[in-house]
Protein backbone atom coordinates (compact mmCIF):
# COMPACT_ATOMS: atom_id res chain seq x y z
CA MET A 1 0.01 10.86 -13.30
CA LYS A 2 0.99 6.93 -14.79
CA ASN A 3 -3.17 6.83 -15.53
CA ASN A 4 -3.69 10.21 -17.56
CA VAL A 5 -0.75 9.36 -19.69
CA ASP A 6 -2.08 6.29 -20.92
CA TYR A 7 -6.02 7.64 -21.31
CA ALA A 8 -4.39 10.48 -23.48
CA LEU A 9 -2.53 7.54 -25.16
CA GLU A 10 -5.23 5.57 -25.52
CA LYS A 11 -7.49 8.64 -27.46
CA ALA A 12 -4.80 8.74 -29.74
CA ARG A 13 -5.00 5.30 -30.60
CA LYS A 14 -8.40 6.11 -31.32
CA ASN A 15 -8.23 10.02 -33.35
CA THR A 16 -9.99 11.14 -30.52
CA PRO A 17 -9.56 14.33 -29.74
CA ILE A 18 -7.73 15.21 -26.52
CA SER A 19 -7.91 18.46 -24.75
CA LEU A 20 -4.37 18.69 -23.23
CA TYR A 21 -4.68 21.42 -21.63
CA GLY A 22 -7.63 19.64 -19.84
CA GLU A 23 -6.17 16.61 -18.64
CA VAL A 24 -3.27 18.25 -17.39
CA ILE A 25 -5.32 20.71 -15.73
CA GLU A 26 -6.79 18.22 -14.36
CA SER A 27 -3.62 16.32 -12.47
CA MET A 28 -2.26 19.38 -11.79
CA LYS A 29 -5.11 20.99 -9.40
CA GLU A 30 -5.32 16.90 -7.82
CA VAL A 31 -1.42 17.74 -6.65
CA LEU A 32 -1.94 21.19 -6.42
CA LEU A 33 -4.37 20.41 -3.39
CA ASN A 34 -2.90 17.64 -2.47
CA GLU A 35 0.22 20.13 -1.22
CA ILE A 36 -2.33 23.00 0.10
CA ARG A 37 -3.56 20.53 2.46
CA THR A 38 -0.30 18.76 3.29
CA LYS A 39 1.33 22.10 4.21
CA LEU A 40 -0.07 24.54 4.72
CA GLN A 41 -2.29 25.98 8.17
CA PRO A 42 -5.08 27.62 8.11
CA ASP A 43 -4.03 30.93 8.71
CA LYS A 44 -1.02 30.13 5.89
CA LEU A 45 -4.49 29.19 3.60
CA GLU A 46 -5.37 32.63 4.20
CA ARG A 47 -2.45 33.87 3.20
CA LEU A 48 -2.27 31.75 0.11
CA ILE A 49 -5.41 33.63 -0.87
CA GLU A 50 -4.21 36.46 0.12
CA TRP A 51 -1.21 36.51 -2.52
CA TYR A 52 -3.94 35.15 -5.19
CA PHE A 53 -5.98 38.31 -5.09
CA ASN A 54 -2.92 40.31 -5.61
CA LYS A 55 -1.48 38.18 -8.36
CA ILE A 56 -5.07 39.33 -9.89
CA GLY A 57 -4.93 42.47 -9.79
CA ALA A 58 -6.81 43.21 -6.54
CA ASP A 59 -5.78 47.61 -5.59
CA ARG A 60 -5.84 45.78 -2.39
CA VAL A 61 -5.74 42.99 0.16
CA GLU A 62 -5.89 42.46 3.50
CA ILE A 63 -7.29 39.87 6.42
CA PRO A 64 -8.77 41.16 8.63
CA ALA A 65 -7.34 40.70 12.11
CA LYS A 66 -9.25 37.54 14.03
CA ASN A 67 -10.42 39.95 16.87
CA GLU A 68 -11.54 42.65 15.15
CA LYS A 69 -14.76 44.95 16.00
CA LEU A 70 -16.81 44.65 13.62
CA LYS A 71 -16.53 40.03 13.73
CA ARG A 72 -19.86 40.43 16.48
CA ASP A 73 -22.80 37.66 16.16
CA LYS A 74 -19.76 35.13 15.71
CA SER A 75 -19.94 37.29 11.80
CA ASP A 76 -16.67 36.31 10.08
CA GLY A 77 -14.83 37.29 7.31
CA ASP A 78 -10.63 35.91 5.79
CA ILE A 79 -9.67 38.25 3.18
CA ILE A 80 -11.38 41.52 1.67
CA ALA A 81 -10.27 42.31 -2.07
CA ASP A 82 -11.01 45.21 -3.10
CA PHE A 83 -11.01 46.19 -6.48
CA GLU A 84 -11.07 50.01 -7.27
CA LEU A 85 -12.39 50.69 -10.88
CA LEU A 86 -15.20 47.79 -11.13
CA LYS A 87 -15.83 49.19 -7.18
CA VAL A 88 -15.73 45.47 -5.82
CA ARG A 89 -15.40 43.77 -2.88
CA VAL A 90 -14.92 40.49 -2.60
CA LEU A 91 -14.82 38.47 1.40
CA VAL A 92 -13.88 35.32 1.95
CA GLN A 93 -14.98 32.76 4.80
CA ALA A 94 -11.53 30.54 4.46
CA LYS A 95 -11.58 26.98 5.38
CA TYR A 96 -9.34 24.10 6.48
CA HIS A 97 -11.51 21.24 6.06
CA GLU A 98 -11.61 17.97 4.73
CA GLY A 99 -14.53 16.23 3.59
CA LYS A 100 -17.62 18.61 3.55
CA THR A 101 -17.69 21.96 5.25
CA ASP A 102 -20.94 22.83 6.47
CA ASP A 103 -23.29 25.63 5.80
CA TRP A 104 -21.42 27.58 8.83
CA ALA A 105 -19.27 29.48 6.71
CA ILE A 106 -21.19 31.01 5.03
CA GLU A 107 -23.52 32.41 7.61
CA GLN A 108 -20.45 33.25 9.33
CA ILE A 109 -19.51 35.23 5.45
CA HIS A 110 -23.02 37.17 5.16
CA LYS A 111 -22.96 38.62 9.04
CA TYR A 112 -19.90 40.08 8.75
CA SER A 113 -21.33 41.42 4.77
CA GLU A 114 -24.24 42.79 6.28
CA GLN A 115 -22.02 44.49 8.73
CA LEU A 116 -19.67 45.58 6.49
CA GLU A 117 -22.08 47.38 4.22
CA GLU A 118 -23.62 48.55 7.26
CA LEU A 119 -20.77 50.38 8.28
CA GLU A 120 -19.16 51.42 4.80
CA ASP A 121 -20.86 54.18 3.14
CA ASP A 122 -19.25 53.71 -0.17
CA GLU A 123 -20.49 52.45 -3.68
CA TYR A 124 -18.59 48.78 -4.47
CA THR A 125 -20.75 45.45 -4.63
CA TYR A 126 -19.44 43.08 -2.10
CA ILE A 127 -19.26 39.25 -3.58
CA ASN A 128 -19.13 36.65 -0.56
CA TRP A 129 -17.11 33.83 -1.16
CA VAL A 130 -16.40 30.15 1.23
CA ILE A 131 -13.02 29.09 -0.24
CA THR A 132 -12.33 24.80 1.00
CA THR A 133 -9.25 22.53 1.24
CA ALA A 134 -12.61 19.99 1.03
CA ASN A 135 -14.23 17.80 -1.32
CA ASP A 136 -17.67 19.09 -1.08
CA PHE A 137 -20.08 20.98 0.86
CA THR A 138 -23.20 19.63 2.40
CA LYS A 139 -26.80 19.97 0.98
CA GLU A 140 -27.42 22.32 3.70
CA ALA A 141 -24.47 25.16 2.61
CA ILE A 142 -25.75 23.80 -0.52
CA SER A 143 -28.82 25.86 -0.61
CA LEU A 144 -27.92 28.47 1.94
CA ALA A 145 -25.60 29.34 -0.36
CA LYS A 146 -27.91 29.90 -3.28
CA GLU A 147 -30.58 31.38 -1.07
CA LYS A 148 -27.47 33.99 0.98
CA GLU A 149 -25.69 34.26 -3.07
CA VAL A 150 -22.69 33.35 -1.94
CA ARG A 151 -20.22 31.27 -4.23
CA LEU A 152 -18.45 28.03 -2.89
CA ILE A 153 -14.87 26.92 -3.64
CA ASN A 154 -14.41 23.54 -3.39
CA GLY A 155 -9.76 22.88 -2.56
CA SER A 156 -9.97 21.61 -6.36
CA ASP A 157 -11.97 24.39 -7.42
CA PHE A 158 -9.53 26.37 -6.15
CA SER A 159 -6.44 24.69 -6.84
CA GLU A 160 -7.55 25.36 -10.86
CA MET A 161 -8.23 28.63 -9.88
CA LEU A 162 -4.13 29.41 -8.82
CA ILE A 163 -3.10 27.39 -12.23
CA ASP A 164 -5.40 29.75 -14.07
CA ALA A 165 -3.79 32.12 -12.25
CA GLY A 166 -0.31 31.60 -13.19
CA LEU A 167 1.89 29.72 -10.54
CA GLU A 168 4.60 32.08 -10.91
CA GLY A 169 5.72 33.59 -7.63
CA LEU A 170 4.11 31.05 -5.79
CA SER A 171 7.77 29.93 -4.48
CA GLN A 172 7.44 33.11 -1.55
CA SER A 173 6.54 31.40 1.72
CA PHE A 174 3.75 31.76 3.08
C-alpha cells in the first residue's frame, strides 16, 4: 500500500496524470483476492459467485447438486445464472486453486453445457465461464478455452469484477 502511495506521489511531482481509480482498484483487488484465498473454501467460493450474479441482476441463480443426474461423463457446472430478458444463461465452473488452473475445468464446463443444451429446449444462449482463484491458466487451458469458447477469469479479474459490481452486501456470511 505504501508503495502505491509513493508511486502516486512521484507521478504527481512529475506532473504526470494518474488514474486514481485504476490505482485504487489495483490495490483493492489484490487485498480482496488475498481475503478470498485465505478465508473461503471451494463451496464458499461458489456461494460468492452466486452472490455476484445476484448482485449484477441475474433473474435466477442456482448451485446445482454435486451429484446431479445431468453431470455425466465427468461434466460439471457449479453455478447457473439466468438473465431472462436477454435469454442468456451463464454456466460457471469454479476452481479454488493456487498457481495455474488447467484445461480440465474447460472440459468440465463445456461438457456440462452441451448436456444442458441437449436436454433443455429453450431459447437461451449459453455462455461458459471458468472462474478460478489461481493467478493464471495453463497454455493448454487457454488454447482449449479459445477452441470451446469458454471465458477464463483468474482470481485478480474476478476480484475486480466484484469491486466493479459494488461490495455493498458482501458482509453476508459465506
